[in-house]
Amino acid sequence: MATQEKRKHARIDSLNLSYFCLDENNQIIKQGMGRTLNVSESGILLETHFPIDEKHTVTLTLGLEEDLVEITGRPVHSRINDDGKHEVGIEFLKTNEKACKLLKQFIDAFQAKST
């Protein structure tokens, strides 16, 4: 039985990025490199070595071809995968116009290559 797709944006595969995990006072409590499992215009699935609490904010630096884009988000779900790593779904919160444009161009280019 097939599951119904509930996402409003298509997901694409991507690679690695750096991130900062901020507490309620915008203080950095963790930072590291994560592997992007997929990304859309509204969020990202990030593989990390440790959990990220849903009450925290995450600032991501995505490498999109030649450009770097900084995007802020919040964790909305998390699970541990078969390798013991954490997969954290992050919903984007604050994106500036340039970040939105570059992210959309990256997704469009990737989808064009996939067809």
Protein backbone atom coordinates (compact mmCIF):
# COMPACT_ATOMS: atom_id res chain seq x y z
CA MET A 1 0.00 0.00 0.00
CA ALA A 2 1.50 3.36 -1.05
CA THR A 3 1.62 6.24 1.40
CA GLN A 4 0.17 9.60 0.47
CA GLU A 5 2.71 12.39 0.00
CA LYS A 6 2.04 15.17 2.54
CA ARG A 7 4.94 17.48 1.70
CA LYS A 8 4.18 20.70 -0.11
CA HIS A 9 7.64 20.91 -1.76
CA ALA A 10 9.65 18.24 -3.58
CA ARG A 11 12.79 16.94 -1.84
CA ILE A 12 16.23 16.66 -3.45
CA ASP A 13 19.41 14.90 -2.39
CA SER A 14 22.28 17.06 -1.22
CA LEU A 15 25.54 16.65 0.68
CA ASN A 16 27.17 18.32 3.69
CA LEU A 17 26.74 21.55 5.59
CA SER A 18 27.79 23.24 8.79
CA TYR A 19 25.31 24.15 11.49
CA PHE A 20 24.99 25.92 14.83
CA CYS A 21 22.44 24.92 17.44
CA LEU A 22 21.21 27.90 19.50
CA ASP A 23 19.37 27.92 22.82
CA GLU A 24 16.43 30.16 23.75
CA ASN A 25 18.86 33.06 24.37
CA ASN A 26 20.52 32.67 20.93
CA GLN A 27 23.68 31.29 22.55
CA ILE A 28 25.55 28.60 20.59
CA ILE A 29 25.30 25.30 22.46
CA LYS A 30 26.46 22.93 19.71
CA GLN A 31 28.05 23.20 16.30
CA GLY A 32 29.17 20.70 13.73
CA MET A 33 29.01 19.30 10.26
CA GLY A 34 25.98 17.36 9.13
CA ARG A 35 25.00 15.45 6.06
CA THR A 36 21.97 16.70 4.20
CA LEU A 37 19.72 13.78 3.33
CA ASN A 38 17.22 15.88 1.40
CA VAL A 39 16.15 19.49 1.09
CA SER A 40 13.17 21.48 -0.16
CA GLU A 41 12.10 25.12 -0.19
CA SER A 42 10.57 24.69 3.26
CA GLY A 43 12.96 22.40 5.11
CA ILE A 44 15.81 19.95 5.30
CA LEU A 45 16.51 16.48 6.67
CA LEU A 46 19.90 16.60 8.39
CA GLU A 47 21.97 13.65 9.62
CA THR A 48 24.00 14.52 12.75
CA HIS A 49 26.10 12.69 15.32
CA PHE A 50 23.97 13.96 18.21
CA PRO A 51 20.30 14.92 18.74
CA ILE A 52 19.04 18.46 18.34
CA ASP A 53 16.29 19.40 20.77
CA GLU A 54 13.05 20.72 19.27
CA LYS A 55 13.14 23.76 21.58
CA HIS A 56 16.37 24.98 19.98
CA THR A 57 17.00 26.97 16.80
CA VAL A 58 19.40 25.81 14.10
CA THR A 59 21.41 28.08 11.81
CA LEU A 60 22.54 26.18 8.70
CA THR A 61 25.13 27.13 6.12
CA LEU A 62 24.28 25.33 2.89
CA GLY A 63 26.75 25.00 0.06
CA LEU A 64 24.81 25.39 -3.19
CA GLU A 65 27.22 24.97 -6.08
CA GLU A 66 29.53 28.04 -5.86
CA ASP A 67 27.44 29.91 -3.25
CA LEU A 68 26.96 29.62 0.51
CA VAL A 69 23.52 30.30 1.94
CA GLU A 70 22.70 30.79 5.62
CA ILE A 71 19.22 29.66 6.71
CA THR A 72 17.60 29.48 10.16
CA GLY A 73 15.20 26.71 11.12
CA ARG A 74 13.64 24.72 13.92
CA PRO A 75 13.69 20.96 14.46
CA VAL A 76 10.25 19.43 13.92
CA HIS A 77 11.05 15.71 14.19
CA SER A 78 13.96 13.41 14.91
CA ARG A 79 14.84 9.72 14.76
CA ILE A 80 17.89 7.50 15.09
CA ASN A 81 18.83 5.68 11.86
CA ASP A 82 20.30 2.19 11.42
CA ASP A 83 23.85 3.61 11.72
CA GLY A 84 23.08 5.16 15.12
CA LYS A 85 23.10 8.70 13.74
CA HIS A 86 20.33 11.23 14.27
CA GLU A 87 18.10 12.32 11.40
CA VAL A 88 16.59 15.70 12.24
CA GLY A 89 13.84 17.29 10.16
CA ILE A 90 14.30 21.06 10.21
CA GLU A 91 11.66 23.52 9.05
CA PHE A 92 13.10 26.76 7.67
CA LEU A 93 12.04 29.87 9.61
CA LYS A 94 13.96 32.88 8.35
CA THR A 95 15.12 33.07 4.77
CA ASN A 96 16.14 36.21 3.02
CA GLU A 97 15.33 36.86 -0.62
CA LYS A 98 18.80 35.86 -1.85
CA ALA A 99 18.73 32.58 0.09
CA CYS A 100 15.26 31.73 -1.24
CA LYS A 101 16.32 32.48 -4.81
CA LEU A 102 19.53 30.40 -4.60
CA LEU A 103 17.75 27.51 -2.90
CA LYS A 104 15.04 27.48 -5.58
CA GLN A 105 17.65 27.61 -8.38
CA PHE A 106 19.51 24.69 -6.83
CA ILE A 107 16.32 22.62 -6.50
CA ASP A 108 15.24 23.46 -10.08
CA ALA A 109 18.68 22.53 -11.49
CA PHE A 110 18.76 19.29 -9.56
CA GLN A 111 15.27 18.30 -10.70
CA ALA A 112 16.16 19.11 -14.33
CA LYS A 113 19.19 16.78 -14.10
CA SER A 114 17.04 14.02 -12.59
CA THR A 115 14.51 13.89 -15.44
